[in-house]
């Protein structure tokens, strides 16, 4: 089963800089009928999203009044395809 997670994007700072984009992670999870799957967490603005401990995508950084925010990152467990 293909699973993708996206981190929440950061917010802007009143037109002076854009928020950073949320991170992204993707993996193929082997499943069998009846198997319980990991908890799915949905991140809000600048928040982290995850699929258990297997996939994590951090949120983008909210901009400051002088510069845009940095983008988020994504990580996947080495046990995934």
PDB file of N, CA and C in Angstrom:
ATOM      1  N   UNK A   1       0.848  -1.145   0.000  1.00  0.00           N
ATOM      2  CA  UNK A   1       0.000   0.000   0.000  1.00  0.00           C
ATOM      3  C   UNK A   1       0.910   1.228   0.000  1.00  0.00           C
ATOM      4  N   UNK A   2       0.679   2.151  -0.902  1.00  0.00           N
ATOM      5  CA  UNK A   2       1.446   3.391  -0.927  1.00  0.00           C
ATOM      6  C   UNK A   2       0.893   4.382   0.081  1.00  0.00           C
ATOM      7  N   UNK A   3       1.771   4.973   0.872  1.00  0.00           N
ATOM      8  CA  UNK A   3       1.364   5.948   1.882  1.00  0.00           C
ATOM      9  C   UNK A   3       2.203   7.210   1.701  1.00  0.00           C
ATOM     10  N   UNK A   4       1.525   8.358   1.664  1.00  0.00           N
ATOM     11  CA  UNK A   4       2.218   9.646   1.566  1.00  0.00           C
ATOM     12  C   UNK A   4       1.784  10.531   2.724  1.00  0.00           C
ATOM     13  N   UNK A   5       2.722  11.261   3.314  1.00  0.00           N
ATOM     14  CA  UNK A   5       2.399  12.248   4.339  1.00  0.00           C
ATOM     15  C   UNK A   5       3.005  13.593   3.949  1.00  0.00           C
ATOM     16  N   UNK A   6       2.280  14.645   4.255  1.00  0.00           N
ATOM     17  CA  UNK A   6       2.694  16.015   3.944  1.00  0.00           C
ATOM     18  C   UNK A   6       2.645  16.831   5.219  1.00  0.00           C
ATOM     19  N   UNK A   7       3.698  17.585   5.507  1.00  0.00           N
ATOM     20  CA  UNK A   7       3.697  18.493   6.649  1.00  0.00           C
ATOM     21  C   UNK A   7       2.926  19.747   6.300  1.00  0.00           C
ATOM     22  N   UNK A   8       2.412  20.421   7.312  1.00  0.00           N
ATOM     23  CA  UNK A   8       1.684  21.663   7.081  1.00  0.00           C
ATOM     24  C   UNK A   8       2.626  22.787   6.671  1.00  0.00           C
ATOM     25  N   UNK A   9       2.189  23.617   5.734  1.00  0.00           N
ATOM     26  CA  UNK A   9       2.995  24.753   5.311  1.00  0.00           C
ATOM     27  C   UNK A   9       2.999  25.847   6.362  1.00  0.00           C
ATOM     28  N   UNK A  10       4.098  26.592   6.423  1.00  0.00           N
ATOM     29  CA  UNK A  10       4.181  27.722   7.348  1.00  0.00           C
ATOM     30  C   UNK A  10       3.347  28.888   6.842  1.00  0.00           C
ATOM     31  N   UNK A  11       2.989  29.782   7.725  1.00  0.00           N
ATOM     32  CA  UNK A  11       2.175  30.939   7.334  1.00  0.00           C
ATOM     33  C   UNK A  11       3.059  32.128   6.968  1.00  0.00           C
ATOM     34  N   UNK A  12       2.437  33.098   6.293  1.00  0.00           N
ATOM     35  CA  UNK A  12       3.196  34.277   5.876  1.00  0.00           C
ATOM     36  C   UNK A  12       3.288  35.275   7.023  1.00  0.00           C
ATOM     37  N   UNK A  13       4.047  36.337   6.777  1.00  0.00           N
ATOM     38  CA  UNK A  13       4.235  37.370   7.808  1.00  0.00           C
ATOM     39  C   UNK A  13       3.767  38.713   7.268  1.00  0.00           C
ATOM     40  N   UNK A  14       2.500  38.826   6.990  1.00  0.00           N
ATOM     41  CA  UNK A  14       1.942  40.104   6.561  1.00  0.00           C
ATOM     42  C   UNK A  14       2.493  40.606   5.243  1.00  0.00           C
ATOM     43  N   UNK A  15       2.762  39.728   4.293  1.00  0.00           N
ATOM     44  CA  UNK A  15       3.221  40.144   2.987  1.00  0.00           C
ATOM     45  C   UNK A  15       4.716  40.339   2.861  1.00  0.00           C
ATOM     46  N   UNK A  16       5.469  40.205   3.947  1.00  0.00           N
ATOM     47  CA  UNK A  16       6.907  40.420   3.887  1.00  0.00           C
ATOM     48  C   UNK A  16       7.698  39.155   3.572  1.00  0.00           C
ATOM     49  N   UNK A  17       7.072  38.018   3.694  1.00  0.00           N
ATOM     50  CA  UNK A  17       7.750  36.758   3.398  1.00  0.00           C
ATOM     51  C   UNK A  17       6.754  35.631   3.443  1.00  0.00           C
ATOM     52  N   UNK A  18       6.935  34.667   2.572  1.00  0.00           N
ATOM     53  CA  UNK A  18       6.041  33.517   2.547  1.00  0.00           C
ATOM     54  C   UNK A  18       6.494  32.441   3.516  1.00  0.00           C
ATOM     55  N   UNK A  19       5.539  31.676   3.973  1.00  0.00           N
ATOM     56  CA  UNK A  19       5.860  30.555   4.845  1.00  0.00           C
ATOM     57  C   UNK A  19       6.496  29.430   4.053  1.00  0.00           C
ATOM     58  N   UNK A  20       7.323  28.642   4.695  1.00  0.00           N
ATOM     59  CA  UNK A  20       7.982  27.518   4.042  1.00  0.00           C
ATOM     60  C   UNK A  20       6.995  26.400   3.752  1.00  0.00           C
ATOM     61  N   UNK A  21       7.241  25.686   2.674  1.00  0.00           N
ATOM     62  CA  UNK A  21       6.387  24.555   2.314  1.00  0.00           C
ATOM     63  C   UNK A  21       6.592  23.395   3.268  1.00  0.00           C
ATOM     64  N   UNK A  22       5.540  22.628   3.460  1.00  0.00           N
ATOM     65  CA  UNK A  22       5.630  21.457   4.329  1.00  0.00           C
ATOM     66  C   UNK A  22       6.462  20.356   3.689  1.00  0.00           C
ATOM     67  N   UNK A  23       7.051  19.506   4.506  1.00  0.00           N
ATOM     68  CA  UNK A  23       7.846  18.387   4.021  1.00  0.00           C
ATOM     69  C   UNK A  23       6.971  17.294   3.429  1.00  0.00           C
ATOM     70  N   UNK A  24       7.615  16.275   2.845  1.00  0.00           N
ATOM     71  CA  UNK A  24       6.913  15.185   2.178  1.00  0.00           C
ATOM     72  C   UNK A  24       7.668  13.887   2.404  1.00  0.00           C
ATOM     73  N   UNK A  25       6.922  12.810   2.642  1.00  0.00           N
ATOM     74  CA  UNK A  25       7.533  11.486   2.762  1.00  0.00           C
ATOM     75  C   UNK A  25       6.589  10.463   2.143  1.00  0.00           C
ATOM     76  N   UNK A  26       7.161   9.439   1.497  1.00  0.00           N
ATOM     77  CA  UNK A  26       6.364   8.401   0.840  1.00  0.00           C
ATOM     78  C   UNK A  26       7.026   7.048   1.058  1.00  0.00           C
ATOM     79  N   UNK A  27       6.214   6.040   1.237  1.00  0.00           N
ATOM     80  CA  UNK A  27       6.749   4.688   1.370  1.00  0.00           C
ATOM     81  C   UNK A  27       5.705   3.667   0.976  1.00  0.00           C
ATOM     82  N   UNK A  28       6.158   2.478   0.636  1.00  0.00           N
ATOM     83  CA  UNK A  28       5.265   1.368   0.332  1.00  0.00           C
ATOM     84  C   UNK A  28       5.255   0.447   1.545  1.00  0.00           C
ATOM     85  N   UNK A  29       4.060   0.251   2.101  1.00  0.00           N
ATOM     86  CA  UNK A  29       3.887  -0.541   3.311  1.00  0.00           C
ATOM     87  C   UNK A  29       3.268  -1.882   2.922  1.00  0.00           C
ATOM     88  N   UNK A  30       3.917  -2.969   3.302  1.00  0.00           N
ATOM     89  CA  UNK A  30       3.357  -4.298   3.064  1.00  0.00           C
ATOM     90  C   UNK A  30       2.291  -4.573   4.113  1.00  0.00           C
ATOM     91  N   UNK A  31       1.086  -4.951   3.670  1.00  0.00           N
ATOM     92  CA  UNK A  31      -0.016  -5.205   4.598  1.00  0.00           C
ATOM     93  C   UNK A  31      -0.642  -6.565   4.299  1.00  0.00           C
ATOM     94  N   UNK A  32      -1.318  -7.097   5.305  1.00  0.00           N
ATOM     95  CA  UNK A  32      -2.074  -8.331   5.149  1.00  0.00           C
ATOM     96  C   UNK A  32      -3.490  -8.084   5.663  1.00  0.00           C
ATOM     97  N   UNK A  33      -4.491  -8.809   5.147  1.00  0.00           N
ATOM     98  CA  UNK A  33      -5.868  -8.592   5.593  1.00  0.00           C
ATOM     99  C   UNK A  33      -5.998  -8.716   7.115  1.00  0.00           C
ATOM    100  N   UNK A  34      -6.734  -7.786   7.709  1.00  0.00           N
ATOM    101  CA  UNK A  34      -6.968  -7.793   9.153  1.00  0.00           C
ATOM    102  C   UNK A  34      -5.886  -7.135   9.987  1.00  0.00           C
ATOM    103  N   UNK A  35      -4.800  -6.728   9.359  1.00  0.00           N
ATOM    104  CA  UNK A  35      -3.693  -6.102  10.089  1.00  0.00           C
ATOM    105  C   UNK A  35      -4.101  -4.715  10.593  1.00  0.00           C
ATOM    106  N   UNK A  36      -3.703  -4.376  11.815  1.00  0.00           N
ATOM    107  CA  UNK A  36      -3.910  -3.027  12.333  1.00  0.00           C
ATOM    108  C   UNK A  36      -2.791  -2.131  11.828  1.00  0.00           C
ATOM    109  N   UNK A  37      -3.147  -0.967  11.332  1.00  0.00           N
ATOM    110  CA  UNK A  37      -2.164  -0.035  10.776  1.00  0.00           C
ATOM    111  C   UNK A  37      -1.796   1.019  11.812  1.00  0.00           C
ATOM    112  N   UNK A  38      -0.633   1.665  11.630  1.00  0.00           N
ATOM    113  CA  UNK A  38      -0.202   2.702  12.572  1.00  0.00           C
ATOM    114  C   UNK A  38      -1.158   3.891  12.601  1.00  0.00           C
ATOM    115  N   UNK A  39      -1.072   4.662  13.666  1.00  0.00           N
ATOM    116  CA  UNK A  39      -1.861   5.877  13.821  1.00  0.00           C
ATOM    117  C   UNK A  39      -1.426   6.913  12.795  1.00  0.00           C
ATOM    118  N   UNK A  40      -2.399   7.595  12.201  1.00  0.00           N
ATOM    119  CA  UNK A  40      -2.130   8.666  11.251  1.00  0.00           C
ATOM    120  C   UNK A  40      -2.322   9.993  11.974  1.00  0.00           C
ATOM    121  N   UNK A  41      -1.305  10.863  11.915  1.00  0.00           N
ATOM    122  CA  UNK A  41      -1.383  12.189  12.537  1.00  0.00           C
ATOM    123  C   UNK A  41      -1.355  13.245  11.436  1.00  0.00           C
ATOM    124  N   UNK A  42      -2.301  14.173  11.478  1.00  0.00           N
ATOM    125  CA  UNK A  42      -2.393  15.248  10.486  1.00  0.00           C
ATOM    126  C   UNK A  42      -1.934  16.550  11.134  1.00  0.00           C
ATOM    127  N   UNK A  43      -0.884  17.142  10.575  1.00  0.00           N
ATOM    128  CA  UNK A  43      -0.359  18.397  11.122  1.00  0.00           C
ATOM    129  C   UNK A  43      -1.142  19.603  10.637  1.00  0.00           C
ATOM    130  N   UNK A  44      -1.337  20.568  11.509  1.00  0.00           N
ATOM    131  CA  UNK A  44      -1.985  21.825  11.153  1.00  0.00           C
ATOM    132  C   UNK A  44      -0.943  22.745  10.513  1.00  0.00           C
ATOM    133  N   UNK A  45      -1.210  24.034  10.477  1.00  0.00           N
ATOM    134  CA  UNK A  45      -0.256  24.985   9.914  1.00  0.00           C
ATOM    135  C   UNK A  45       1.099  24.819  10.590  1.00  0.00           C
ATOM    136  N   UNK A  46       2.122  24.609   9.802  1.00  0.00           N
ATOM    137  CA  UNK A  46       3.506  24.423  10.265  1.00  0.00           C
ATOM    138  C   UNK A  46       3.658  23.182  11.145  1.00  0.00           C
ATOM    139  N   UNK A  47       2.690  22.279  11.106  1.00  0.00           N
ATOM    140  CA  UNK A  47       2.724  21.102  11.967  1.00  0.00           C
ATOM    141  C   UNK A  47       3.288  19.869  11.283  1.00  0.00           C
ATOM    142  N   UNK A  48       3.602  18.870  12.083  1.00  0.00           N
ATOM    143  CA  UNK A  48       4.171  17.618  11.601  1.00  0.00           C
ATOM    144  C   UNK A  48       3.078  16.583  11.385  1.00  0.00           C
ATOM    145  N   UNK A  49       3.154  15.872  10.266  1.00  0.00           N
ATOM    146  CA  UNK A  49       2.239  14.776   9.962  1.00  0.00           C
ATOM    147  C   UNK A  49       3.031  13.483   9.985  1.00  0.00           C
ATOM    148  N   UNK A  50       2.342  12.370  10.327  1.00  0.00           N
ATOM    149  CA  UNK A  50       3.067  11.101  10.390  1.00  0.00           C
ATOM    150  C   UNK A  50       2.142   9.917  10.159  1.00  0.00           C
ATOM    151  N   UNK A  51       2.762   8.800   9.812  1.00  0.00           N
ATOM    152  CA  UNK A  51       2.109   7.501   9.713  1.00  0.00           C
ATOM    153  C   UNK A  51       2.856   6.617  10.698  1.00  0.00           C
ATOM    154  N   UNK A  52       2.396   6.631  11.957  1.00  0.00           N
ATOM    155  CA  UNK A  52       3.122   5.947  13.024  1.00  0.00           C
ATOM    156  C   UNK A  52       4.551   6.453  13.091  1.00  0.00           C
ATOM    157  N   UNK A  53       5.486   5.526  13.305  1.00  0.00           N
ATOM    158  CA  UNK A  53       6.913   5.872  13.310  1.00  0.00           C
ATOM    159  C   UNK A  53       7.541   5.584  11.957  1.00  0.00           C
ATOM    160  N   UNK A  54       6.719   5.176  10.977  1.00  0.00           N
ATOM    161  CA  UNK A  54       7.261   4.777   9.677  1.00  0.00           C
ATOM    162  C   UNK A  54       7.540   5.949   8.745  1.00  0.00           C
ATOM    163  N   UNK A  55       6.663   6.952   8.749  1.00  0.00           N
ATOM    164  CA  UNK A  55       6.820   8.114   7.868  1.00  0.00           C
ATOM    165  C   UNK A  55       6.553   9.385   8.671  1.00  0.00           C
ATOM    166  N   UNK A  56       7.380  10.409   8.460  1.00  0.00           N
ATOM    167  CA  UNK A  56       7.198  11.689   9.136  1.00  0.00           C
ATOM    168  C   UNK A  56       7.520  12.825   8.172  1.00  0.00           C
ATOM    169  N   UNK A  57       6.663  13.847   8.169  1.00  0.00           N
ATOM    170  CA  UNK A  57       6.914  15.052   7.372  1.00  0.00           C
ATOM    171  C   UNK A  57       6.733  16.250   8.292  1.00  0.00           C
ATOM    172  N   UNK A  58       7.787  17.035   8.462  1.00  0.00           N
ATOM    173  CA  UNK A  58       7.708  18.207   9.338  1.00  0.00           C
ATOM    174  C   UNK A  58       7.084  19.385   8.602  1.00  0.00           C
ATOM    175  N   UNK A  59       6.564  20.319   9.375  1.00  0.00           N
ATOM    176  CA  UNK A  59       5.941  21.499   8.792  1.00  0.00           C
ATOM    177  C   UNK A  59       6.965  22.544   8.387  1.00  0.00           C
ATOM    178  N   UNK A  60       6.541  23.397   7.464  1.00  0.00           N
ATOM    179  CA  UNK A  60       7.380  24.522   7.071  1.00  0.00           C
ATOM    180  C   UNK A  60       7.399  25.571   8.166  1.00  0.00           C
ATOM    181  N   UNK A  61       8.441  26.378   8.162  1.00  0.00           N
ATOM    182  CA  UNK A  61       8.608  27.417   9.188  1.00  0.00           C
ATOM    183  C   UNK A  61       7.808  28.657   8.794  1.00  0.00           C
ATOM    184  N   UNK A  62       7.133  29.240   9.759  1.00  0.00           N
ATOM    185  CA  UNK A  62       6.395  30.475   9.529  1.00  0.00           C
ATOM    186  C   UNK A  62       7.387  31.610   9.269  1.00  0.00           C
ATOM    187  N   UNK A  63       7.053  32.470   8.309  1.00  0.00           N
ATOM    188  CA  UNK A  63       7.942  33.568   7.935  1.00  0.00           C
ATOM    189  C   UNK A  63       8.083  34.581   9.058  1.00  0.00           C
ATOM    190  N   UNK A  64       9.201  35.318   9.005  1.00  0.00           N
ATOM    191  CA  UNK A  64       9.383  36.454   9.910  1.00  0.00           C
ATOM    192  C   UNK A  64       9.040  37.717   9.139  1.00  0.00           C
ATOM    193  N   UNK A  65       9.167  38.849   9.765  1.00  0.00           N
ATOM    194  CA  UNK A  65       8.866  40.098   9.065  1.00  0.00           C
ATOM    195  C   UNK A  65       9.932  40.462   8.049  1.00  0.00           C
ATOM    196  N   UNK A  66      11.076  39.762   8.068  1.00  0.00           N
ATOM    197  CA  UNK A  66      12.156  40.110   7.157  1.00  0.00           C
ATOM    198  C   UNK A  66      12.520  39.015   6.150  1.00  0.00           C
ATOM    199  N   UNK A  67      12.059  37.783   6.368  1.00  0.00           N
ATOM    200  CA  UNK A  67      12.427  36.721   5.429  1.00  0.00           C
ATOM    201  C   UNK A  67      11.402  35.599   5.418  1.00  0.00           C
ATOM    202  N   UNK A  68      11.416  34.849   4.336  1.00  0.00           N
ATOM    203  CA  UNK A  68      10.518  33.709   4.207  1.00  0.00           C
ATOM    204  C   UNK A  68      10.945  32.563   5.107  1.00  0.00           C
ATOM    205  N   UNK A  69      10.013  31.669   5.351  1.00  0.00           N
ATOM    206  CA  UNK A  69      10.295  30.531   6.207  1.00  0.00           C
ATOM    207  C   UNK A  69      10.951  29.386   5.443  1.00  0.00           C
ATOM    208  N   UNK A  70      11.719  28.575   6.146  1.00  0.00           N
ATOM    209  CA  UNK A  70      12.367  27.404   5.550  1.00  0.00           C
ATOM    210  C   UNK A  70      11.343  26.293   5.360  1.00  0.00           C
ATOM    211  N   UNK A  71      11.611  25.423   4.396  1.00  0.00           N
ATOM    212  CA  UNK A  71      10.726  24.298   4.135  1.00  0.00           C
ATOM    213  C   UNK A  71      10.906  23.177   5.135  1.00  0.00           C
ATOM    214  N   UNK A  72       9.891  22.319   5.213  1.00  0.00           N
ATOM    215  CA  UNK A  72       9.946  21.167   6.097  1.00  0.00           C
ATOM    216  C   UNK A  72      10.735  20.023   5.467  1.00  0.00           C
ATOM    217  N   UNK A  73      10.861  18.929   6.191  1.00  0.00           N
ATOM    218  CA  UNK A  73      11.599  17.759   5.712  1.00  0.00           C
ATOM    219  C   UNK A  73      10.728  16.513   5.824  1.00  0.00           C
ATOM    220  N   UNK A  74      11.143  15.463   5.150  1.00  0.00           N
ATOM    221  CA  UNK A  74      10.437  14.198   5.228  1.00  0.00           C
ATOM    222  C   UNK A  74      11.403  13.067   5.492  1.00  0.00           C
ATOM    223  N   UNK A  75      10.991  12.093   6.303  1.00  0.00           N
ATOM    224  CA  UNK A  75      11.820  10.933   6.579  1.00  0.00           C
ATOM    225  C   UNK A  75      10.955   9.670   6.509  1.00  0.00           C
ATOM    226  N   UNK A  76      11.596   8.573   6.089  1.00  0.00           N
ATOM    227  CA  UNK A  76      10.924   7.283   6.000  1.00  0.00           C
ATOM    228  C   UNK A  76      11.784   6.221   6.676  1.00  0.00           C
ATOM    229  N   UNK A  77      11.119   5.286   7.323  1.00  0.00           N
ATOM    230  CA  UNK A  77      11.821   4.184   7.963  1.00  0.00           C
ATOM    231  C   UNK A  77      12.538   3.342   6.915  1.00  0.00           C
ATOM    232  N   UNK A  78      13.695   2.819   7.269  1.00  0.00           N
ATOM    233  CA  UNK A  78      14.456   1.988   6.338  1.00  0.00           C
ATOM    234  C   UNK A  78      13.787   0.635   6.096  1.00  0.00           C
ATOM    235  N   UNK A  79      12.726   0.311   6.878  1.00  0.00           N
ATOM    236  CA  UNK A  79      12.018  -0.952   6.685  1.00  0.00           C
ATOM    237  C   UNK A  79      10.994  -0.884   5.560  1.00  0.00           C
ATOM    238  N   UNK A  80      10.740   0.311   5.030  1.00  0.00           N
ATOM    239  CA  UNK A  80       9.759   0.481   3.949  1.00  0.00           C
ATOM    240  C   UNK A  80      10.432   0.308   2.592  1.00  0.00           C
ATOM    241  N   UNK A  81       9.601  -0.032   1.614  1.00  0.00           N
ATOM    242  CA  UNK A  81      10.108  -0.088   0.239  1.00  0.00           C
ATOM    243  C   UNK A  81       9.947   1.261  -0.401  1.00  0.00           C
TER     244      UNK A  81
END
